[in-house]
Amino acid sequence: MLRIGREAAARAGRITRAVVATAIRESGLPVSNQVAGELVQQLRSDKPPPPHR
């Protein structure tokens, strides 16, 4: 599910529960809002920090 969420977030340009949950559900997997929220937290923590200017 994390891979699906990561790909969906990359396509959407944002990491939100709605983006992640919708992509997972469209792939045919059930996901609760709680699990989607946990996946979003994981994706945000995996995101590299922006480059320094």
C-alpha atoms as a PDB file:
ATOM      1  CA  MET A   1       0.000   0.000   0.000  1.00  0.00           C
ATOM      2  CA  LEU A   2       2.880   2.340   0.734  1.00  0.00           C
ATOM      3  CA  ARG A   3       4.158   2.028  -2.841  1.00  0.00           C
ATOM      4  CA  ILE A   4       0.703   2.857  -4.226  1.00  0.00           C
ATOM      5  CA  GLY A   5       0.438   5.866  -1.925  1.00  0.00           C
ATOM      6  CA  ARG A   6       3.914   7.086  -2.822  1.00  0.00           C
ATOM      7  CA  GLU A   7       3.193   6.885  -6.549  1.00  0.00           C
ATOM      8  CA  ALA A   8      -0.173   8.616  -6.147  1.00  0.00           C
ATOM      9  CA  ALA A   9       1.342  11.400  -4.048  1.00  0.00           C
ATOM     10  CA  ALA A  10       4.072  11.936  -6.649  1.00  0.00           C
ATOM     11  CA  ARG A  11       1.476  12.212  -9.428  1.00  0.00           C
ATOM     12  CA  ALA A  12      -0.717  14.569  -7.395  1.00  0.00           C
ATOM     13  CA  GLY A  13       2.177  16.697  -6.170  1.00  0.00           C
ATOM     14  CA  ARG A  14       0.948  16.482  -2.574  1.00  0.00           C
ATOM     15  CA  ILE A  15       0.776  13.945   0.219  1.00  0.00           C
ATOM     16  CA  THR A  16      -2.744  13.842   1.623  1.00  0.00           C
ATOM     17  CA  ARG A  17      -4.944  11.154   3.110  1.00  0.00           C
ATOM     18  CA  ALA A  18      -7.488  11.669   0.335  1.00  0.00           C
ATOM     19  CA  VAL A  19      -4.904  11.169  -2.425  1.00  0.00           C
ATOM     20  CA  VAL A  20      -3.423   8.094  -0.777  1.00  0.00           C
ATOM     21  CA  ALA A  21      -6.737   6.467   0.200  1.00  0.00           C
ATOM     22  CA  THR A  22      -8.314   7.065  -3.198  1.00  0.00           C
ATOM     23  CA  ALA A  23      -5.373   5.511  -5.040  1.00  0.00           C
ATOM     24  CA  ILE A  24      -5.350   2.467  -2.773  1.00  0.00           C
ATOM     25  CA  ARG A  25      -9.093   1.966  -3.098  1.00  0.00           C
ATOM     26  CA  GLU A  26      -8.937   2.388  -6.879  1.00  0.00           C
ATOM     27  CA  SER A  27      -6.348  -0.388  -6.977  1.00  0.00           C
ATOM     28  CA  GLY A  28      -8.943  -2.667  -5.413  1.00  0.00           C
ATOM     29  CA  LEU A  29      -7.585  -2.788  -1.879  1.00  0.00           C
ATOM     30  CA  PRO A  30      -9.678  -1.790   1.127  1.00  0.00           C
ATOM     31  CA  VAL A  31      -8.150   0.833   3.421  1.00  0.00           C
ATOM     32  CA  SER A  32      -9.527   2.617   6.475  1.00  0.00           C
ATOM     33  CA  ASN A  33      -9.034   6.333   7.007  1.00  0.00           C
ATOM     34  CA  GLN A  34      -6.873   5.515  10.022  1.00  0.00           C
ATOM     35  CA  VAL A  35      -4.524   3.334   7.984  1.00  0.00           C
ATOM     36  CA  ALA A  36      -4.453   5.928   5.199  1.00  0.00           C
ATOM     37  CA  GLY A  37      -3.463   8.543   7.775  1.00  0.00           C
ATOM     38  CA  GLU A  38      -0.667   6.310   9.060  1.00  0.00           C
ATOM     39  CA  LEU A  39       0.581   5.804   5.519  1.00  0.00           C
ATOM     40  CA  VAL A  40       0.577   9.579   4.966  1.00  0.00           C
ATOM     41  CA  GLN A  41       2.669  10.041   8.126  1.00  0.00           C
ATOM     42  CA  GLN A  42       5.141   7.456   6.855  1.00  0.00           C
ATOM     43  CA  LEU A  43       5.321   9.075   3.417  1.00  0.00           C
ATOM     44  CA  ARG A  44       5.909  12.499   4.948  1.00  0.00           C
ATOM     45  CA  SER A  45       8.679  11.182   7.179  1.00  0.00           C
ATOM     46  CA  ASP A  46      10.320   9.484   4.154  1.00  0.00           C
ATOM     47  CA  LYS A  47      10.224  12.694   2.113  1.00  0.00           C
ATOM     48  CA  PRO A  48      13.699  14.229   1.784  1.00  0.00           C
ATOM     49  CA  PRO A  49      14.075  17.783   3.067  1.00  0.00           C
ATOM     50  CA  PRO A  50      14.094  20.574   0.469  1.00  0.00           C
ATOM     51  CA  PRO A  51      17.531  21.587  -0.806  1.00  0.00           C
ATOM     52  CA  HIS A  52      19.187  24.591   0.804  1.00  0.00           C
ATOM     53  CA  ARG A  53      19.372  27.700  -1.302  1.00  0.00           C
END
